[in-house]
Amino acid sequence: MHSAVTTQFDQHGTQKQSSQDF
């Protein structure tokens, strides 16, 4: 099982981190 962490920025420039497990 691999875990991928993606960082995204919304319209206000707020940093968001989401963890996805495969």
N, C-alpha and C. Protein backbone atom coordinates (compact mmCIF):
# COMPACT_ATOMS: atom_id res chain seq x y z
N MET A 1 0.86 -1.21 0.00
CA MET A 1 0.00 0.00 0.00
C MET A 1 0.88 1.25 0.00
N HIS A 2 0.53 2.18 -0.85
CA HIS A 2 1.30 3.42 -0.94
C HIS A 2 0.44 4.59 -0.48
N SER A 3 1.09 5.55 0.16
CA SER A 3 0.38 6.75 0.61
C SER A 3 0.92 7.96 -0.13
N ALA A 4 0.00 8.71 -0.75
CA ALA A 4 0.41 9.89 -1.50
C ALA A 4 -0.19 11.13 -0.85
N VAL A 5 0.64 12.14 -0.66
CA VAL A 5 0.16 13.39 -0.07
C VAL A 5 0.22 14.48 -1.12
N THR A 6 -0.91 15.11 -1.36
CA THR A 6 -0.97 16.17 -2.36
C THR A 6 -1.26 17.50 -1.68
N THR A 7 -0.60 18.54 -2.11
CA THR A 7 -0.82 19.88 -1.55
C THR A 7 -1.49 20.75 -2.61
N GLN A 8 -2.60 21.35 -2.24
CA GLN A 8 -3.32 22.19 -3.19
C GLN A 8 -3.60 23.55 -2.55
N PHE A 9 -3.77 24.56 -3.40
CA PHE A 9 -4.10 25.90 -2.94
C PHE A 9 -5.45 26.30 -3.51
N ASP A 10 -6.31 26.82 -2.65
CA ASP A 10 -7.63 27.24 -3.12
C ASP A 10 -7.56 28.66 -3.67
N GLN A 11 -8.71 29.24 -3.99
CA GLN A 11 -8.75 30.55 -4.62
C GLN A 11 -8.15 31.64 -3.71
N HIS A 12 -8.18 31.40 -2.39
CA HIS A 12 -7.69 32.39 -1.45
C HIS A 12 -6.22 32.17 -1.10
N GLY A 13 -5.63 31.16 -1.74
CA GLY A 13 -4.21 30.90 -1.49
C GLY A 13 -3.98 30.14 -0.20
N THR A 14 -5.02 29.49 0.30
CA THR A 14 -4.88 28.71 1.53
C THR A 14 -4.31 27.34 1.18
N GLN A 15 -3.29 26.94 1.94
CA GLN A 15 -2.65 25.66 1.65
C GLN A 15 -3.48 24.52 2.26
N LYS A 16 -3.72 23.51 1.43
CA LYS A 16 -4.47 22.35 1.90
C LYS A 16 -3.68 21.09 1.61
N GLN A 17 -3.68 20.17 2.56
CA GLN A 17 -3.01 18.89 2.34
C GLN A 17 -4.04 17.77 2.43
N SER A 18 -4.00 16.90 1.45
CA SER A 18 -4.89 15.75 1.45
C SER A 18 -4.07 14.48 1.31
N SER A 19 -4.38 13.49 2.14
CA SER A 19 -3.65 12.23 2.09
C SER A 19 -4.50 11.18 1.41
N GLN A 20 -3.91 10.50 0.43
CA GLN A 20 -4.64 9.47 -0.30
C GLN A 20 -3.91 8.14 -0.16
N ASP A 21 -4.65 7.11 0.22
CA ASP A 21 -4.07 5.77 0.34
C ASP A 21 -4.47 4.92 -0.86
N PHE A 22 -3.49 4.19 -1.40
CA PHE A 22 -3.77 3.35 -2.56
C PHE A 22 -3.61 1.88 -2.17
